[in-house]
Amino acid sequence: MQTPRGIGKECRRIIIDPKPAPIPYTEEQLKGMFWRFDKNGDRRLSKQELKAAFKELGALIPGFRANRGLHHADANGDGYISDEEVDKLVKYAYQLGYKVN
């Protein structure tokens, strides 16, 4: 094998294994993931719980995503995502394309 100009023969090519392509969460997986962050077990997701969930999902600005999630899903305006509202939150997150790495 011929070495390119400027590179010594002692240098070897490094082959890096490609990372597996991320696959999207299913809506059911997202729902389960969000409920994992219901730390106080009240079956409602607070802004702080949503922020922690979006951080786990890899959001660059999880606080922003938590605010937007509340905006999209909090139908009654109480500042929490309830059992009845979680499907809207999941659809919002699913549309953002969160992936399993």
Protein backbone atom coordinates (compact mmCIF):
# COMPACT_ATOMS: atom_id res chain seq x y z
CA MET A 1 0.00 0.00 0.00
CA GLN A 2 1.39 3.36 -0.98
CA THR A 3 1.51 6.04 1.73
CA PRO A 4 0.09 9.47 0.79
CA ARG A 5 2.57 12.31 0.61
CA GLY A 6 3.50 13.87 3.93
CA ILE A 7 2.41 10.88 6.00
CA GLY A 8 5.09 8.62 7.39
CA LYS A 9 4.99 4.88 6.81
CA GLU A 10 4.62 4.33 10.56
CA CYS A 11 1.17 5.89 10.46
CA ARG A 12 -1.57 3.36 9.99
CA ARG A 13 -5.11 3.84 8.90
CA ILE A 14 -7.58 3.73 11.70
CA ILE A 15 -10.82 2.03 10.86
CA ILE A 16 -13.67 3.28 12.94
CA ASP A 17 -16.71 1.08 13.28
CA PRO A 18 -19.72 3.03 12.18
CA LYS A 19 -22.33 3.63 14.85
CA PRO A 20 -25.60 1.86 14.25
CA ALA A 21 -28.21 4.15 12.76
CA PRO A 22 -30.63 5.48 15.37
CA ILE A 23 -34.17 4.16 15.15
CA PRO A 24 -37.27 6.12 16.13
CA TYR A 25 -39.07 5.38 19.37
CA THR A 26 -42.56 4.02 18.97
CA GLU A 27 -45.31 6.12 20.49
CA GLU A 28 -45.77 3.48 23.21
CA GLN A 29 -42.06 3.60 24.07
CA LEU A 30 -42.21 7.38 24.34
CA LYS A 31 -45.25 7.20 26.59
CA GLY A 32 -43.52 4.73 28.89
CA MET A 33 -40.38 6.84 28.90
CA PHE A 34 -42.30 9.96 29.92
CA TRP A 35 -44.10 8.13 32.74
CA ARG A 36 -40.73 6.94 34.08
CA PHE A 37 -40.12 10.58 34.99
CA ASP A 38 -43.29 10.89 37.09
CA LYS A 39 -41.09 10.87 40.20
CA ASN A 40 -43.83 11.60 42.76
CA GLY A 41 -46.26 9.05 41.26
CA ASP A 42 -49.20 11.45 40.95
CA ARG A 43 -49.86 10.41 37.31
CA ARG A 44 -49.20 14.00 36.22
CA LEU A 45 -46.04 15.30 34.59
CA SER A 46 -44.80 18.64 35.87
CA LYS A 47 -42.58 21.01 33.90
CA GLN A 48 -39.54 19.78 35.87
CA GLU A 49 -40.41 16.13 35.16
CA LEU A 50 -40.86 16.95 31.47
CA LYS A 51 -37.53 18.78 31.43
CA ALA A 52 -35.79 15.70 32.87
CA ALA A 53 -37.52 13.48 30.30
CA PHE A 54 -36.51 15.66 27.36
CA LYS A 55 -32.97 15.80 28.72
CA GLU A 56 -32.92 11.99 28.73
CA LEU A 57 -34.18 12.04 25.14
CA GLY A 58 -31.19 14.19 24.19
CA ALA A 59 -32.88 17.57 23.71
CA LEU A 60 -30.35 20.36 23.33
CA ILE A 61 -32.51 22.73 25.38
CA PRO A 62 -34.73 20.46 27.51
CA GLY A 63 -36.42 23.37 29.33
CA PHE A 64 -37.59 24.78 26.00
CA ARG A 65 -38.90 21.37 24.92
CA ALA A 66 -40.72 20.99 28.25
CA ASN A 67 -42.39 24.38 27.75
CA ARG A 68 -43.38 23.52 24.18
CA GLY A 69 -44.64 20.10 25.29
CA LEU A 70 -46.85 21.73 27.89
CA HIS A 71 -48.07 24.23 25.32
CA HIS A 72 -49.02 21.44 22.90
CA ALA A 73 -50.55 19.00 25.36
CA ASP A 74 -51.85 20.80 28.47
CA ALA A 75 -55.46 21.14 27.35
CA ASN A 76 -56.88 22.35 30.69
CA GLY A 77 -54.01 24.79 31.38
CA ASP A 78 -53.18 23.48 34.87
CA GLY A 79 -49.43 23.28 34.14
CA TYR A 80 -49.32 19.48 34.18
CA ILE A 81 -49.67 16.68 31.65
CA SER A 82 -52.28 14.19 32.87
CA ASP A 83 -53.21 10.70 31.68
CA GLU A 84 -55.75 12.24 29.32
CA GLU A 85 -53.20 14.65 27.86
CA VAL A 86 -50.12 12.44 27.54
CA ASP A 87 -51.06 11.19 24.05
CA LYS A 88 -50.77 14.77 22.71
CA LEU A 89 -47.37 15.11 24.38
CA VAL A 90 -46.23 11.84 22.83
CA LYS A 91 -47.38 12.94 19.38
CA TYR A 92 -45.46 16.21 19.81
CA ALA A 93 -42.27 14.38 20.82
CA TYR A 94 -42.72 11.76 18.11
CA GLN A 95 -43.01 14.49 15.45
CA LEU A 96 -39.68 15.91 16.67
CA GLY A 97 -38.09 12.61 15.65
CA TYR A 98 -36.48 11.49 18.90
CA LYS A 99 -34.38 8.40 18.27
CA VAL A 100 -33.00 5.46 20.22
CA ASN A 101 -29.19 5.50 19.95
